[in-house]
Amino acid sequence: MKKLVPLLVLSLAAAVAMPAAAAENKQNTKMADCQKQAGDKKLEGKDRQSFVNECLKAKPASAATTSKSKMAECNAKTKGMSKDEANKARSECMKAS
């Protein structure tokens, strides 16, 4: 029992630290990408700082938004079909990449 408690505490601490490390790594990667883009554009001083700040604020298109637009595209393709045909075509369309 005495060995079980420290092991449990250690595993809990590791579980809490992992998401924080992943988020930090993601931010570091984004920072490096923004810095590289600023370097490619040969920006310096305040222009570079402004560019990097805007780059870091930019958010990538979310999966939900992409999924919604894909659904709209698939729905448009099924107009005029019977319900069963439309369901089958929509299903195939959503599976396609």
PDB file of N, CA and C in Angstrom:
ATOM      1  N   MET A   1       0.821  -1.184   0.000  1.00  0.00           N
ATOM      2  CA  MET A   1       0.000   0.000   0.000  1.00  0.00           C
ATOM      3  C   MET A   1       0.870   1.254   0.000  1.00  0.00           C
ATOM      4  N   LYS A   2       1.987   1.223   0.751  1.00  0.00           N
ATOM      5  CA  LYS A   2       2.857   2.381   0.834  1.00  0.00           C
ATOM      6  C   LYS A   2       3.501   2.676  -0.523  1.00  0.00           C
ATOM      7  N   LYS A   3       3.714   1.661  -1.319  1.00  0.00           N
ATOM      8  CA  LYS A   3       4.316   1.858  -2.640  1.00  0.00           C
ATOM      9  C   LYS A   3       3.272   2.319  -3.657  1.00  0.00           C
ATOM     10  N   LEU A   4       2.042   1.968  -3.418  1.00  0.00           N
ATOM     11  CA  LEU A   4       0.968   2.295  -4.347  1.00  0.00           C
ATOM     12  C   LEU A   4       0.654   3.787  -4.361  1.00  0.00           C
ATOM     13  N   VAL A   5       0.643   4.443  -3.222  1.00  0.00           N
ATOM     14  CA  VAL A   5       0.297   5.860  -3.133  1.00  0.00           C
ATOM     15  C   VAL A   5       1.297   6.734  -3.905  1.00  0.00           C
ATOM     16  N   PRO A   6       2.623   6.586  -3.687  1.00  0.00           N
ATOM     17  CA  PRO A   6       3.557   7.413  -4.461  1.00  0.00           C
ATOM     18  C   PRO A   6       3.476   7.137  -5.968  1.00  0.00           C
ATOM     19  N   LEU A   7       3.241   5.895  -6.332  1.00  0.00           N
ATOM     20  CA  LEU A   7       3.113   5.560  -7.747  1.00  0.00           C
ATOM     21  C   LEU A   7       1.890   6.238  -8.353  1.00  0.00           C
ATOM     22  N   LEU A   8       0.800   6.253  -7.621  1.00  0.00           N
ATOM     23  CA  LEU A   8      -0.423   6.904  -8.071  1.00  0.00           C
ATOM     24  C   LEU A   8      -0.211   8.411  -8.224  1.00  0.00           C
ATOM     25  N   VAL A   9       0.464   9.025  -7.244  1.00  0.00           N
ATOM     26  CA  VAL A   9       0.735  10.460  -7.292  1.00  0.00           C
ATOM     27  C   VAL A   9       1.626  10.792  -8.486  1.00  0.00           C
ATOM     28  N   LEU A  10       2.642   9.971  -8.719  1.00  0.00           N
ATOM     29  CA  LEU A  10       3.557  10.189  -9.837  1.00  0.00           C
ATOM     30  C   LEU A  10       2.839  10.069 -11.182  1.00  0.00           C
ATOM     31  N   SER A  11       1.999   9.060 -11.320  1.00  0.00           N
ATOM     32  CA  SER A  11       1.280   8.890 -12.590  1.00  0.00           C
ATOM     33  C   SER A  11       0.280  10.024 -12.817  1.00  0.00           C
ATOM     34  N   LEU A  12      -0.336  10.507 -11.754  1.00  0.00           N
ATOM     35  CA  LEU A  12      -1.268  11.630 -11.871  1.00  0.00           C
ATOM     36  C   LEU A  12      -0.526  12.896 -12.302  1.00  0.00           C
ATOM     37  N   ALA A  13       0.632  13.135 -11.717  1.00  0.00           N
ATOM     38  CA  ALA A  13       1.434  14.311 -12.083  1.00  0.00           C
ATOM     39  C   ALA A  13       1.863  14.235 -13.549  1.00  0.00           C
ATOM     40  N   ALA A  14       2.236  13.059 -14.003  1.00  0.00           N
ATOM     41  CA  ALA A  14       2.645  12.891 -15.404  1.00  0.00           C
ATOM     42  C   ALA A  14       1.464  13.141 -16.339  1.00  0.00           C
ATOM     43  N   ALA A  15       0.294  12.672 -15.956  1.00  0.00           N
ATOM     44  CA  ALA A  15      -0.890  12.861 -16.792  1.00  0.00           C
ATOM     45  C   ALA A  15      -1.268  14.331 -16.916  1.00  0.00           C
ATOM     46  N   VAL A  16      -1.066  15.088 -15.858  1.00  0.00           N
ATOM     47  CA  VAL A  16      -1.374  16.516 -15.873  1.00  0.00           C
ATOM     48  C   VAL A  16      -0.340  17.279 -16.691  1.00  0.00           C
ATOM     49  N   ALA A  17       0.907  16.873 -16.635  1.00  0.00           N
ATOM     50  CA  ALA A  17       1.988  17.584 -17.317  1.00  0.00           C
ATOM     51  C   ALA A  17       1.988  17.366 -18.829  1.00  0.00           C
ATOM     52  N   MET A  18       1.512  16.224 -19.302  1.00  0.00           N
ATOM     53  CA  MET A  18       1.571  15.916 -20.738  1.00  0.00           C
ATOM     54  C   MET A  18       0.804  16.907 -21.606  1.00  0.00           C
ATOM     55  N   PRO A  19      -0.468  17.228 -21.315  1.00  0.00           N
ATOM     56  CA  PRO A  19      -1.172  18.190 -22.168  1.00  0.00           C
ATOM     57  C   PRO A  19      -0.510  19.562 -22.169  1.00  0.00           C
ATOM     58  N   ALA A  20       0.039  19.975 -21.042  1.00  0.00           N
ATOM     59  CA  ALA A  20       0.707  21.275 -20.975  1.00  0.00           C
ATOM     60  C   ALA A  20       1.947  21.275 -21.861  1.00  0.00           C
ATOM     61  N   ALA A  21       2.683  20.187 -21.854  1.00  0.00           N
ATOM     62  CA  ALA A  21       3.879  20.086 -22.688  1.00  0.00           C
ATOM     63  C   ALA A  21       3.504  20.083 -24.165  1.00  0.00           C
ATOM     64  N   ALA A  22       2.434  19.398 -24.510  1.00  0.00           N
ATOM     65  CA  ALA A  22       1.996  19.358 -25.908  1.00  0.00           C
ATOM     66  C   ALA A  22       1.553  20.738 -26.376  1.00  0.00           C
ATOM     67  N   ALA A  23       0.823  21.468 -25.530  1.00  0.00           N
ATOM     68  CA  ALA A  23       0.375  22.811 -25.889  1.00  0.00           C
ATOM     69  C   ALA A  23       1.569  23.744 -26.043  1.00  0.00           C
ATOM     70  N   GLU A  24       2.552  23.613 -25.152  1.00  0.00           N
ATOM     71  CA  GLU A  24       3.738  24.456 -25.231  1.00  0.00           C
ATOM     72  C   GLU A  24       4.510  24.160 -26.513  1.00  0.00           C
ATOM     73  N   ASN A  25       4.627  22.901 -26.870  1.00  0.00           N
ATOM     74  CA  ASN A  25       5.333  22.518 -28.085  1.00  0.00           C
ATOM     75  C   ASN A  25       4.619  23.060 -29.319  1.00  0.00           C
ATOM     76  N   LYS A  26       3.298  23.016 -29.311  1.00  0.00           N
ATOM     77  CA  LYS A  26       2.508  23.530 -30.431  1.00  0.00           C
ATOM     78  C   LYS A  26       2.735  25.038 -30.583  1.00  0.00           C
ATOM     79  N   GLN A  27       2.746  25.752 -29.466  1.00  0.00           N
ATOM     80  CA  GLN A  27       2.982  27.200 -29.498  1.00  0.00           C
ATOM     81  C   GLN A  27       4.396  27.498 -29.995  1.00  0.00           C
ATOM     82  N   ASN A  28       5.375  26.708 -29.542  1.00  0.00           N
ATOM     83  CA  ASN A  28       6.757  26.909 -29.989  1.00  0.00           C
ATOM     84  C   ASN A  28       6.880  26.682 -31.487  1.00  0.00           C
ATOM     85  N   THR A  29       6.192  25.678 -31.984  1.00  0.00           N
ATOM     86  CA  THR A  29       6.220  25.393 -33.419  1.00  0.00           C
ATOM     87  C   THR A  29       5.600  26.547 -34.200  1.00  0.00           C
ATOM     88  N   LYS A  30       4.479  27.049 -33.701  1.00  0.00           N
ATOM     89  CA  LYS A  30       3.815  28.161 -34.375  1.00  0.00           C
ATOM     90  C   LYS A  30       4.706  29.399 -34.371  1.00  0.00           C
ATOM     91  N   MET A  31       5.370  29.658 -33.237  1.00  0.00           N
ATOM     92  CA  MET A  31       6.278  30.800 -33.127  1.00  0.00           C
ATOM     93  C   MET A  31       7.421  30.664 -34.138  1.00  0.00           C
ATOM     94  N   ALA A  32       7.983  29.478 -34.226  1.00  0.00           N
ATOM     95  CA  ALA A  32       9.084  29.248 -35.165  1.00  0.00           C
ATOM     96  C   ALA A  32       8.617  29.460 -36.612  1.00  0.00           C
ATOM     97  N   ASP A  33       7.420  28.993 -36.927  1.00  0.00           N
ATOM     98  CA  ASP A  33       6.877  29.176 -38.276  1.00  0.00           C
ATOM     99  C   ASP A  33       6.676  30.657 -38.590  1.00  0.00           C
ATOM    100  N   CYS A  34       6.130  31.390 -37.635  1.00  0.00           N
ATOM    101  CA  CYS A  34       5.900  32.825 -37.840  1.00  0.00           C
ATOM    102  C   CYS A  34       7.226  33.573 -37.992  1.00  0.00           C
ATOM    103  N   GLN A  35       8.208  33.213 -37.180  1.00  0.00           N
ATOM    104  CA  GLN A  35       9.524  33.845 -37.285  1.00  0.00           C
ATOM    105  C   GLN A  35      10.164  33.550 -38.650  1.00  0.00           C
ATOM    106  N   LYS A  36       9.997  32.321 -39.130  1.00  0.00           N
ATOM    107  CA  LYS A  36      10.556  31.950 -40.437  1.00  0.00           C
ATOM    108  C   LYS A  36       9.892  32.754 -41.554  1.00  0.00           C
ATOM    109  N   GLN A  37       8.580  32.899 -41.472  1.00  0.00           N
ATOM    110  CA  GLN A  37       7.864  33.675 -42.488  1.00  0.00           C
ATOM    111  C   GLN A  37       8.322  35.124 -42.473  1.00  0.00           C
ATOM    112  N   ALA A  38       8.522  35.669 -41.280  1.00  0.00           N
ATOM    113  CA  ALA A  38       9.002  37.052 -41.169  1.00  0.00           C
ATOM    114  C   ALA A  38      10.397  37.168 -41.756  1.00  0.00           C
ATOM    115  N   GLY A  39      11.230  36.172 -41.537  1.00  0.00           N
ATOM    116  CA  GLY A  39      12.577  36.167 -42.101  1.00  0.00           C
ATOM    117  C   GLY A  39      12.554  36.071 -43.616  1.00  0.00           C
ATOM    118  N   ASP A  40      11.644  35.237 -44.138  1.00  0.00           N
ATOM    119  CA  ASP A  40      11.510  35.095 -45.585  1.00  0.00           C
ATOM    120  C   ASP A  40      11.102  36.416 -46.236  1.00  0.00           C
ATOM    121  N   LYS A  41      10.314  37.199 -45.511  1.00  0.00           N
ATOM    122  CA  LYS A  41       9.872  38.498 -46.027  1.00  0.00           C
ATOM    123  C   LYS A  41      10.875  39.607 -45.731  1.00  0.00           C
ATOM    124  N   LYS A  42      11.975  39.238 -45.044  1.00  0.00           N
ATOM    125  CA  LYS A  42      13.043  40.179 -44.698  1.00  0.00           C
ATOM    126  C   LYS A  42      12.525  41.357 -43.872  1.00  0.00           C
ATOM    127  N   LEU A  43      11.626  41.054 -42.927  1.00  0.00           N
ATOM    128  CA  LEU A  43      11.087  42.087 -42.054  1.00  0.00           C
ATOM    129  C   LEU A  43      12.021  42.292 -40.867  1.00  0.00           C
ATOM    130  N   GLU A  44      12.105  43.539 -40.407  1.00  0.00           N
ATOM    131  CA  GLU A  44      12.953  43.861 -39.264  1.00  0.00           C
ATOM    132  C   GLU A  44      12.231  44.839 -38.347  1.00  0.00           C
ATOM    133  N   GLY A  45      12.663  44.880 -37.100  1.00  0.00           N
ATOM    134  CA  GLY A  45      12.161  45.855 -36.140  1.00  0.00           C
ATOM    135  C   GLY A  45      10.678  45.718 -35.861  1.00  0.00           C
ATOM    136  N   LYS A  46      10.001  46.866 -35.838  1.00  0.00           N
ATOM    137  CA  LYS A  46       8.576  46.892 -35.491  1.00  0.00           C
ATOM    138  C   LYS A  46       7.721  46.169 -36.530  1.00  0.00           C
ATOM    139  N   ASP A  47       8.122  46.234 -37.796  1.00  0.00           N
ATOM    140  CA  ASP A  47       7.372  45.535 -38.838  1.00  0.00           C
ATOM    141  C   ASP A  47       7.386  44.030 -38.588  1.00  0.00           C
ATOM    142  N   ARG A  48       8.569  43.528 -38.228  1.00  0.00           N
ATOM    143  CA  ARG A  48       8.711  42.090 -37.936  1.00  0.00           C
ATOM    144  C   ARG A  48       7.871  41.718 -36.721  1.00  0.00           C
ATOM    145  N   GLN A  49       7.951  42.533 -35.671  1.00  0.00           N
ATOM    146  CA  GLN A  49       7.209  42.263 -34.447  1.00  0.00           C
ATOM    147  C   GLN A  49       5.705  42.254 -34.713  1.00  0.00           C
ATOM    148  N   SER A  50       5.238  43.221 -35.477  1.00  0.00           N
ATOM    149  CA  SER A  50       3.811  43.284 -35.815  1.00  0.00           C
ATOM    150  C   SER A  50       3.382  42.070 -36.621  1.00  0.00           C
ATOM    151  N   PHE A  51       4.218  41.691 -37.598  1.00  0.00           N
ATOM    152  CA  PHE A  51       3.890  40.535 -38.424  1.00  0.00           C
ATOM    153  C   PHE A  51       3.786  39.270 -37.578  1.00  0.00           C
ATOM    154  N   VAL A  52       4.777  39.061 -36.709  1.00  0.00           N
ATOM    155  CA  VAL A  52       4.790  37.859 -35.878  1.00  0.00           C
ATOM    156  C   VAL A  52       3.586  37.850 -34.931  1.00  0.00           C
ATOM    157  N   ASN A  53       3.251  38.989 -34.352  1.00  0.00           N
ATOM    158  CA  ASN A  53       2.088  39.058 -33.472  1.00  0.00           C
ATOM    159  C   ASN A  53       0.806  38.689 -34.207  1.00  0.00           C
ATOM    160  N   GLU A  54       0.624  39.231 -35.400  1.00  0.00           N
ATOM    161  CA  GLU A  54      -0.569  38.914 -36.187  1.00  0.00           C
ATOM    162  C   GLU A  54      -0.579  37.446 -36.596  1.00  0.00           C
ATOM    163  N   CYS A  55       0.583  36.945 -36.947  1.00  0.00           N
ATOM    164  CA  CYS A  55       0.708  35.537 -37.338  1.00  0.00           C
ATOM    165  C   CYS A  55       0.314  34.628 -36.175  1.00  0.00           C
ATOM    166  N   LEU A  56       0.758  34.951 -34.985  1.00  0.00           N
ATOM    167  CA  LEU A  56       0.444  34.129 -33.813  1.00  0.00           C
ATOM    168  C   LEU A  56      -1.033  34.203 -33.444  1.00  0.00           C
ATOM    169  N   LYS A  57      -1.672  35.340 -33.722  1.00  0.00           N
ATOM    170  CA  LYS A  57      -3.097  35.500 -33.416  1.00  0.00           C
ATOM    171  C   LYS A  57      -3.971  34.733 -34.402  1.00  0.00           C
ATOM    172  N   ALA A  58      -3.474  34.540 -35.610  1.00  0.00           N
ATOM    173  CA  ALA A  58      -4.256  33.871 -36.652  1.00  0.00           C
ATOM    174  C   ALA A  58      -4.581  32.450 -36.222  1.00  0.00           C
ATOM    175  N   LYS A  59      -5.812  32.059 -36.450  1.00  0.00           N
ATOM    176  CA  LYS A  59      -6.243  30.721 -36.077  1.00  0.00           C
ATOM    177  C   LYS A  59      -6.500  29.912 -37.345  1.00  0.00           C
ATOM    178  N   PRO A  60      -6.034  28.672 -37.364  1.00  0.00           N
ATOM    179  CA  PRO A  60      -6.290  27.829 -38.534  1.00  0.00           C
ATOM    180  C   PRO A  60      -7.773  27.478 -38.622  1.00  0.00           C
ATOM    181  N   ALA A  61      -8.218  27.119 -39.801  1.00  0.00           N
ATOM    182  CA  ALA A  61      -9.613  26.725 -39.982  1.00  0.00           C
ATOM    183  C   ALA A  61      -9.888  25.513 -39.118  1.00  0.00           C
ATOM    184  N   SER A  62     -10.945  25.571 -38.343  1.00  0.00           N
ATOM    185  CA  SER A  62     -11.250  24.467 -37.439  1.00  0.00           C
ATOM    186  C   SER A  62     -11.827  23.294 -38.217  1.00  0.00           C
ATOM    187  N   ALA A  63     -11.706  22.133 -37.644  1.00  0.00           N
ATOM    188  CA  ALA A  63     -12.233  20.927 -38.281  1.00  0.00           C
ATOM    189  C   ALA A  63     -13.752  21.020 -38.392  1.00  0.00           C
ATOM    190  N   ALA A  64     -14.400  21.645 -37.415  1.00  0.00           N
ATOM    191  CA  ALA A  64     -15.858  21.767 -37.446  1.00  0.00           C
ATOM    192  C   ALA A  64     -16.301  22.617 -38.630  1.00  0.00           C
ATOM    193  N   THR A  65     -15.600  23.703 -38.900  1.00  0.00           N
ATOM    194  CA  THR A  65     -15.938  24.563 -40.029  1.00  0.00           C
ATOM    195  C   THR A  65     -15.744  23.812 -41.336  1.00  0.00           C
ATOM    196  N   THR A  66     -14.650  23.093 -41.439  1.00  0.00           N
ATOM    197  CA  THR A  66     -14.369  22.315 -42.644  1.00  0.00           C
ATOM    198  C   THR A  66     -15.438  21.252 -42.837  1.00  0.00           C
ATOM    199  N   SER A  67     -15.827  20.607 -41.748  1.00  0.00           N
ATOM    200  CA  SER A  67     -16.840  19.566 -41.812  1.00  0.00           C
ATOM    201  C   SER A  67     -18.184  20.141 -42.244  1.00  0.00           C
ATOM    202  N   LYS A  68     -18.536  21.320 -41.733  1.00  0.00           N
ATOM    203  CA  LYS A  68     -19.808  21.948 -42.096  1.00  0.00           C
ATOM    204  C   LYS A  68     -19.835  22.306 -43.573  1.00  0.00           C
ATOM    205  N   SER A  69     -18.732  22.852 -44.083  1.00  0.00           N
ATOM    206  CA  SER A  69     -18.719  23.223 -45.492  1.00  0.00           C
ATOM    207  C   SER A  69     -18.748  21.976 -46.375  1.00  0.00           C
ATOM    208  N   LYS A  70     -18.130  20.903 -45.920  1.00  0.00           N
ATOM    209  CA  LYS A  70     -18.169  19.653 -46.677  1.00  0.00           C
ATOM    210  C   LYS A  70     -19.596  19.124 -46.706  1.00  0.00           C
ATOM    211  N   MET A  71     -20.288  19.230 -45.585  1.00  0.00           N
ATOM    212  CA  MET A  71     -21.680  18.779 -45.532  1.00  0.00           C
ATOM    213  C   MET A  71     -22.542  19.600 -46.486  1.00  0.00           C
ATOM    214  N   ALA A  72     -22.326  20.905 -46.520  1.00  0.00           N
ATOM    215  CA  ALA A  72     -23.092  21.760 -47.429  1.00  0.00           C
ATOM    216  C   ALA A  72     -22.810  21.383 -48.882  1.00  0.00           C
ATOM    217  N   GLU A  73     -21.554  21.107 -49.179  1.00  0.00           N
ATOM    218  CA  GLU A  73     -21.178  20.710 -50.540  1.00  0.00           C
ATOM    219  C   GLU A  73     -21.858  19.392 -50.917  1.00  0.00           C
ATOM    220  N   CYS A  74     -21.846  18.438 -49.994  1.00  0.00           N
ATOM    221  CA  CYS A  74     -22.475  17.144 -50.266  1.00  0.00           C
ATOM    222  C   CYS A  74     -23.990  17.280 -50.397  1.00  0.00           C
ATOM    223  N   ASN A  75     -24.590  18.129 -49.581  1.00  0.00           N
ATOM    224  CA  ASN A  75     -26.040  18.355 -49.684  1.00  0.00           C
ATOM    225  C   ASN A  75     -26.403  18.961 -51.033  1.00  0.00           C
ATOM    226  N   ALA A  76     -25.581  19.875 -51.517  1.00  0.00           N
ATOM    227  CA  ALA A  76     -25.849  20.508 -52.810  1.00  0.00           C
ATOM    228  C   ALA A  76     -25.809  19.478 -53.939  1.00  0.00           C
ATOM    229  N   LYS A  77     -24.932  18.504 -53.816  1.00  0.00           N
ATOM    230  CA  LYS A  77     -24.816  17.479 -54.857  1.00  0.00           C
ATOM    231  C   LYS A  77     -26.011  16.538 -54.882  1.00  0.00           C
ATOM    232  N   THR A  78     -26.751  16.464 -53.788  1.00  0.00           N
ATOM    233  CA  THR A  78     -27.852  15.507 -53.706  1.00  0.00           C
ATOM    234  C   THR A  78     -29.215  16.122 -54.003  1.00  0.00           C
ATOM    235  N   LYS A  79     -29.253  17.374 -54.380  1.00  0.00           N
ATOM    236  CA  LYS A  79     -30.543  18.017 -54.682  1.00  0.00           C
ATOM    237  C   LYS A  79     -31.213  17.305 -55.854  1.00  0.00           C
ATOM    238  N   GLY A  80     -32.520  17.089 -55.723  1.00  0.00           N
ATOM    239  CA  GLY A  80     -33.301  16.461 -56.783  1.00  0.00           C
ATOM    240  C   GLY A  80     -33.305  14.945 -56.713  1.00  0.00           C
ATOM    241  N   MET A  81     -32.554  14.346 -55.804  1.00  0.00           N
ATOM    242  CA  MET A  81     -32.525  12.886 -55.676  1.00  0.00           C
ATOM    243  C   MET A  81     -33.607  12.437 -54.698  1.00  0.00           C
ATOM    244  N   SER A  82     -33.992  11.177 -54.807  1.00  0.00           N
ATOM    245  CA  SER A  82     -34.918  10.632 -53.824  1.00  0.00           C
ATOM    246  C   SER A  82     -34.189  10.528 -52.482  1.00  0.00           C
ATOM    247  N   LYS A  83     -34.952  10.361 -51.427  1.00  0.00           N
ATOM    248  CA  LYS A  83     -34.371  10.349 -50.086  1.00  0.00           C
ATOM    249  C   LYS A  83     -33.304   9.265 -49.944  1.00  0.00           C
ATOM    250  N   ASP A  84     -33.595   8.050 -50.398  1.00  0.00           N
ATOM    251  CA  ASP A  84     -32.638   6.947 -50.266  1.00  0.00           C
ATOM    252  C   ASP A  84     -31.380   7.202 -51.100  1.00  0.00           C
ATOM    253  N   GLU A  85     -31.573   7.679 -52.329  1.00  0.00           N
ATOM    254  CA  GLU A  85     -30.421   7.981 -53.196  1.00  0.00           C
ATOM    255  C   GLU A  85     -29.572   9.100 -52.596  1.00  0.00           C
ATOM    256  N   ALA A  86     -30.258  10.115 -52.082  1.00  0.00           N
ATOM    257  CA  ALA A  86     -29.551  11.256 -51.497  1.00  0.00           C
ATOM    258  C   ALA A  86     -28.751  10.833 -50.270  1.00  0.00           C
ATOM    259  N   ASN A  87     -29.328  10.002 -49.422  1.00  0.00           N
ATOM    260  CA  ASN A  87     -28.620   9.534 -48.231  1.00  0.00           C
ATOM    261  C   ASN A  87     -27.374   8.738 -48.614  1.00  0.00           C
ATOM    262  N   LYS A  88     -27.512   7.873 -49.600  1.00  0.00           N
ATOM    263  CA  LYS A  88     -26.375   7.061 -50.041  1.00  0.00           C
ATOM    264  C   LYS A  88     -25.295   7.950 -50.657  1.00  0.00           C
ATOM    265  N   ALA A  89     -25.683   8.877 -51.511  1.00  0.00           N
ATOM    266  CA  ALA A  89     -24.723   9.770 -52.170  1.00  0.00           C
ATOM    267  C   ALA A  89     -24.043  10.678 -51.141  1.00  0.00           C
ATOM    268  N   ARG A  90     -24.802  11.180 -50.174  1.00  0.00           N
ATOM    269  CA  ARG A  90     -24.257  12.051 -49.132  1.00  0.00           C
ATOM    270  C   ARG A  90     -23.224  11.279 -48.288  1.00  0.00           C
ATOM    271  N   SER A  91     -23.569  10.047 -47.972  1.00  0.00           N
ATOM    272  CA  SER A  91     -22.656   9.221 -47.191  1.00  0.00           C
ATOM    273  C   SER A  91     -21.338   8.996 -47.930  1.00  0.00           C
ATOM    274  N   GLU A  92     -21.423   8.689 -49.203  1.00  0.00           N
ATOM    275  CA  GLU A  92     -20.220   8.491 -50.013  1.00  0.00           C
ATOM    276  C   GLU A  92     -19.417   9.782 -50.137  1.00  0.00           C
ATOM    277  N   CYS A  93     -20.120  10.891 -50.308  1.00  0.00           N
ATOM    278  CA  CYS A  93     -19.465  12.181 -50.433  1.00  0.00           C
ATOM    279  C   CYS A  93     -18.707  12.545 -49.169  1.00  0.00           C
ATOM    280  N   MET A  94     -19.294  12.305 -48.003  1.00  0.00           N
ATOM    281  CA  MET A  94     -18.658  12.639 -46.734  1.00  0.00           C
ATOM    282  C   MET A  94     -17.448  11.748 -46.460  1.00  0.00           C
ATOM    283  N   LYS A  95     -17.486  10.513 -46.955  1.00  0.00           N
ATOM    284  CA  LYS A  95     -16.352   9.598 -46.761  1.00  0.00           C
ATOM    285  C   LYS A  95     -15.162   9.984 -47.639  1.00  0.00           C
ATOM    286  N   ALA A  96     -15.454  10.562 -48.803  1.00  0.00           N
ATOM    287  CA  ALA A  96     -14.385  10.952 -49.735  1.00  0.00           C
ATOM    288  C   ALA A  96     -13.564  12.094 -49.125  1.00  0.00           C
ATOM    289  N   SER A  97     -12.293  12.088 -49.394  1.00  0.00           N
ATOM    290  CA  SER A  97     -11.419  13.124 -48.834  1.00  0.00           C
ATOM    291  C   SER A  97     -11.414  14.365 -49.680  1.00  0.00           C
TER     292      SER A  97
END
